[in-house]
Amino acid sequence: VIGTLSDWIQMETPAQQSYGLQALEQELSWASHLGVYGIVLPPPTSHCELYAAALSRIGLSSICTTQLMVRIPLLRQEDGVEVDGWNS
């Protein structure tokens, strides 16, 4: 069984990071408690360094005992136009 985390978790600003990290930790703890084999995380937004720091903190603290998988979009929207996310 593979679970998914909530898409509403955002970490674009330091203020959102503390709230988002708390929600992320609670959802991952619950998934670990349920014995979920893997968890698909929502894709990072434009400020992926805060998202990466939160995932690093969770990985190092042993909160989560399951596999973490991050969705990475191949295309993103900029001014209503789809742009290649890898080469920009």
Protein backbone atom coordinates (compact mmCIF):
# COMPACT_ATOMS: atom_id res chain seq x y z
CA VAL A 1 0.00 0.00 0.00
CA ILE A 2 1.32 3.40 -1.01
CA GLY A 3 -0.15 6.57 0.48
CA THR A 4 -0.10 10.20 -0.58
CA LEU A 5 0.28 13.31 1.52
CA SER A 6 -1.91 16.37 1.34
CA ASP A 7 -1.28 18.69 -1.60
CA TRP A 8 -2.07 21.79 0.47
CA ILE A 9 1.20 21.62 2.42
CA GLN A 10 3.25 24.64 1.29
CA MET A 11 6.70 25.81 2.35
CA GLU A 12 7.25 28.87 0.18
CA THR A 13 8.07 31.27 3.03
CA PRO A 14 9.72 30.74 6.41
CA ALA A 15 6.36 31.43 8.10
CA GLN A 16 4.69 28.69 6.05
CA GLN A 17 7.65 26.39 6.60
CA SER A 18 7.04 25.90 10.33
CA TYR A 19 3.33 25.22 9.82
CA GLY A 20 3.98 23.03 6.79
CA LEU A 21 6.73 21.09 8.55
CA GLN A 22 4.45 20.38 11.49
CA ALA A 23 1.69 19.11 9.17
CA LEU A 24 4.20 17.07 7.17
CA GLU A 25 5.60 15.44 10.32
CA GLN A 26 2.11 14.59 11.61
CA GLU A 27 1.01 13.02 8.34
CA LEU A 28 4.25 11.04 8.00
CA SER A 29 3.99 9.83 11.60
CA TRP A 30 0.43 8.67 10.99
CA ALA A 31 1.43 6.86 7.80
CA SER A 32 4.31 5.16 9.62
CA HIS A 33 1.93 4.15 12.40
CA LEU A 34 -0.41 2.58 9.82
CA GLY A 35 2.51 0.66 8.29
CA VAL A 36 2.23 2.23 4.84
CA TYR A 37 5.01 0.88 2.59
CA GLY A 38 5.68 4.15 0.76
CA ILE A 39 4.45 7.72 0.72
CA VAL A 40 4.17 9.97 -2.36
CA LEU A 41 4.95 13.57 -1.40
CA PRO A 42 3.48 16.59 -3.18
CA PRO A 43 5.74 18.32 -5.73
CA PRO A 44 7.87 21.22 -4.53
CA THR A 45 6.87 24.76 -5.44
CA SER A 46 9.16 27.50 -6.70
CA HIS A 47 11.14 27.62 -3.41
CA CYS A 48 12.27 24.02 -3.31
CA GLU A 49 15.19 24.72 -0.95
CA LEU A 50 12.79 25.05 2.02
CA TYR A 51 11.04 21.85 0.97
CA ALA A 52 14.38 20.02 0.66
CA ALA A 53 15.45 21.26 4.10
CA ALA A 54 12.21 19.99 5.63
CA LEU A 55 12.61 16.57 4.00
CA SER A 56 16.22 16.42 5.15
CA ARG A 57 15.20 17.20 8.70
CA ILE A 58 12.54 14.49 8.62
CA GLY A 59 14.95 11.97 7.11
CA LEU A 60 17.61 12.63 9.73
CA SER A 61 15.21 12.62 12.69
CA SER A 62 13.80 9.13 11.96
CA ILE A 63 10.21 10.37 12.19
CA CYS A 64 9.29 8.38 9.13
CA THR A 65 10.08 4.69 8.75
CA THR A 66 8.65 4.32 5.25
CA GLN A 67 9.98 5.13 1.78
CA LEU A 68 9.48 8.72 0.63
CA MET A 69 8.80 9.45 -3.06
CA VAL A 70 8.61 13.02 -4.36
CA ARG A 71 6.51 13.89 -7.41
CA ILE A 72 8.49 16.08 -9.80
CA PRO A 73 6.48 17.77 -12.58
CA LEU A 74 8.03 17.63 -16.04
CA LEU A 75 6.24 20.82 -17.13
CA ARG A 76 5.27 23.89 -15.12
CA GLN A 77 3.03 26.87 -15.74
CA GLU A 78 4.57 30.33 -16.20
CA ASP A 79 2.25 33.14 -17.27
CA GLY A 80 -0.26 30.61 -18.60
CA VAL A 81 2.32 28.84 -20.79
CA GLU A 82 3.73 25.39 -20.09
CA VAL A 83 7.52 25.48 -19.69
CA ASP A 84 9.97 22.59 -19.57
CA GLY A 85 10.82 22.25 -15.88
CA TRP A 86 14.14 20.47 -16.43
CA ASN A 87 15.89 22.93 -18.73
CA SER A 88 14.86 26.30 -17.35
